[in-house]
């Protein structure tokens, strides 16, 4: 599935969870939505342009500092346009 289809399925699952009757039904919809959200998030990550995914910047041989562009995570999240 492409990102557009994933977004549509994610929204449908959230709407079904809002209209669900029981706790088990709601939890099953929310778990399915969480799996789709993790797929969307994993496809929108990009290596940081400053540290190239390391999470830190080497200043000298003995010193490193945390990359402030990605805050030490090593990746940036692209803004996904809203539907």
C-alpha atoms as a PDB file:
ATOM      1  CA  UNK A   1       0.000   0.000   0.000  1.00  0.00           C
ATOM      2  CA  UNK A   2       1.145   3.506  -0.657  1.00  0.00           C
ATOM      3  CA  UNK A   3       1.014   6.280   1.910  1.00  0.00           C
ATOM      4  CA  UNK A   4      -2.277   7.663   0.615  1.00  0.00           C
ATOM      5  CA  UNK A   5      -4.050   4.322   1.119  1.00  0.00           C
ATOM      6  CA  UNK A   6      -2.458   3.928   4.546  1.00  0.00           C
ATOM      7  CA  UNK A   7      -3.731   7.354   5.599  1.00  0.00           C
ATOM      8  CA  UNK A   8      -7.265   6.530   4.444  1.00  0.00           C
ATOM      9  CA  UNK A   9      -7.262   3.181   6.260  1.00  0.00           C
ATOM     10  CA  UNK A  10      -5.873   4.848   9.395  1.00  0.00           C
ATOM     11  CA  UNK A  11      -8.680   7.425   9.440  1.00  0.00           C
ATOM     12  CA  UNK A  12     -11.321   4.734   8.837  1.00  0.00           C
ATOM     13  CA  UNK A  13     -10.018   2.676  11.749  1.00  0.00           C
ATOM     14  CA  UNK A  14     -10.058   5.692  14.056  1.00  0.00           C
ATOM     15  CA  UNK A  15     -13.646   6.457  13.065  1.00  0.00           C
ATOM     16  CA  UNK A  16     -14.662   2.836  13.675  1.00  0.00           C
ATOM     17  CA  UNK A  17     -12.959   2.945  17.087  1.00  0.00           C
ATOM     18  CA  UNK A  18     -14.925   6.086  17.996  1.00  0.00           C
ATOM     19  CA  UNK A  19     -18.204   4.361  17.083  1.00  0.00           C
ATOM     20  CA  UNK A  20     -17.373   0.951  18.603  1.00  0.00           C
ATOM     21  CA  UNK A  21     -19.648  -0.507  21.264  1.00  0.00           C
ATOM     22  CA  UNK A  22     -17.375  -2.499  23.551  1.00  0.00           C
ATOM     23  CA  UNK A  23     -13.907  -2.197  25.010  1.00  0.00           C
ATOM     24  CA  UNK A  24     -12.490  -5.196  23.118  1.00  0.00           C
ATOM     25  CA  UNK A  25     -13.776  -3.919  19.800  1.00  0.00           C
ATOM     26  CA  UNK A  26     -12.335  -0.448  20.441  1.00  0.00           C
ATOM     27  CA  UNK A  27      -8.953  -1.855  21.459  1.00  0.00           C
ATOM     28  CA  UNK A  28      -8.751  -4.054  18.367  1.00  0.00           C
ATOM     29  CA  UNK A  29      -9.429  -1.066  16.087  1.00  0.00           C
ATOM     30  CA  UNK A  30      -6.876   1.084  17.915  1.00  0.00           C
ATOM     31  CA  UNK A  31      -4.231  -1.655  17.735  1.00  0.00           C
ATOM     32  CA  UNK A  32      -4.770  -1.980  13.982  1.00  0.00           C
ATOM     33  CA  UNK A  33      -4.525   1.802  13.635  1.00  0.00           C
ATOM     34  CA  UNK A  34      -1.269   1.810  15.630  1.00  0.00           C
ATOM     35  CA  UNK A  35       0.258  -0.727  13.230  1.00  0.00           C
ATOM     36  CA  UNK A  36      -0.668   1.463  10.261  1.00  0.00           C
ATOM     37  CA  UNK A  37       0.678   4.571  11.992  1.00  0.00           C
ATOM     38  CA  UNK A  38       4.024   2.858  12.595  1.00  0.00           C
ATOM     39  CA  UNK A  39       4.211   2.013   8.881  1.00  0.00           C
ATOM     40  CA  UNK A  40       3.504   5.650   7.995  1.00  0.00           C
ATOM     41  CA  UNK A  41       6.103   6.866  10.485  1.00  0.00           C
ATOM     42  CA  UNK A  42       8.799   4.466   9.296  1.00  0.00           C
ATOM     43  CA  UNK A  43       8.403   5.583   5.687  1.00  0.00           C
ATOM     44  CA  UNK A  44       8.635   9.275   6.601  1.00  0.00           C
ATOM     45  CA  UNK A  45      11.979   9.112   8.443  1.00  0.00           C
ATOM     46  CA  UNK A  46      15.036  10.614   6.731  1.00  0.00           C
ATOM     47  CA  UNK A  47      18.640  10.592   7.921  1.00  0.00           C
ATOM     48  CA  UNK A  48      19.719  13.890   9.427  1.00  0.00           C
ATOM     49  CA  UNK A  49      21.561  16.127   6.962  1.00  0.00           C
ATOM     50  CA  UNK A  50      24.047  17.372   9.573  1.00  0.00           C
ATOM     51  CA  UNK A  51      25.091  14.193  11.408  1.00  0.00           C
ATOM     52  CA  UNK A  52      24.118  11.713   8.644  1.00  0.00           C
ATOM     53  CA  UNK A  53      22.248   9.462  11.071  1.00  0.00           C
ATOM     54  CA  UNK A  54      24.890   9.259  13.822  1.00  0.00           C
ATOM     55  CA  UNK A  55      23.085  11.530  16.299  1.00  0.00           C
ATOM     56  CA  UNK A  56      26.234  13.381  17.270  1.00  0.00           C
ATOM     57  CA  UNK A  57      28.767  15.721  15.677  1.00  0.00           C
ATOM     58  CA  UNK A  58      32.470  15.013  16.123  1.00  0.00           C
ATOM     59  CA  UNK A  59      34.222  18.264  16.986  1.00  0.00           C
ATOM     60  CA  UNK A  60      37.675  16.835  17.621  1.00  0.00           C
ATOM     61  CA  UNK A  61      39.133  13.386  18.278  1.00  0.00           C
ATOM     62  CA  UNK A  62      38.230  13.578  21.954  1.00  0.00           C
ATOM     63  CA  UNK A  63      34.999  15.557  21.853  1.00  0.00           C
ATOM     64  CA  UNK A  64      31.540  15.006  20.386  1.00  0.00           C
ATOM     65  CA  UNK A  65      28.355  16.989  20.808  1.00  0.00           C
ATOM     66  CA  UNK A  66      24.733  16.071  20.273  1.00  0.00           C
ATOM     67  CA  UNK A  67      23.358  17.104  16.898  1.00  0.00           C
ATOM     68  CA  UNK A  68      20.777  19.841  17.496  1.00  0.00           C
ATOM     69  CA  UNK A  69      19.030  19.346  14.149  1.00  0.00           C
ATOM     70  CA  UNK A  70      17.758  15.871  15.060  1.00  0.00           C
ATOM     71  CA  UNK A  71      18.296  16.153  18.865  1.00  0.00           C
ATOM     72  CA  UNK A  72      20.479  13.047  18.922  1.00  0.00           C
ATOM     73  CA  UNK A  73      17.955  10.739  17.231  1.00  0.00           C
ATOM     74  CA  UNK A  74      19.830  10.558  13.949  1.00  0.00           C
ATOM     75  CA  UNK A  75      16.762  11.090  11.783  1.00  0.00           C
ATOM     76  CA  UNK A  76      14.242  13.751  10.863  1.00  0.00           C
ATOM     77  CA  UNK A  77      10.561  13.206  10.196  1.00  0.00           C
ATOM     78  CA  UNK A  78       9.212  14.688   6.985  1.00  0.00           C
ATOM     79  CA  UNK A  79       5.976  16.620   7.224  1.00  0.00           C
ATOM     80  CA  UNK A  80       3.254  14.474   5.659  1.00  0.00           C
ATOM     81  CA  UNK A  81       0.629  16.629   4.007  1.00  0.00           C
ATOM     82  CA  UNK A  82      -2.876  16.399   5.421  1.00  0.00           C
ATOM     83  CA  UNK A  83      -5.625  14.885   3.305  1.00  0.00           C
END
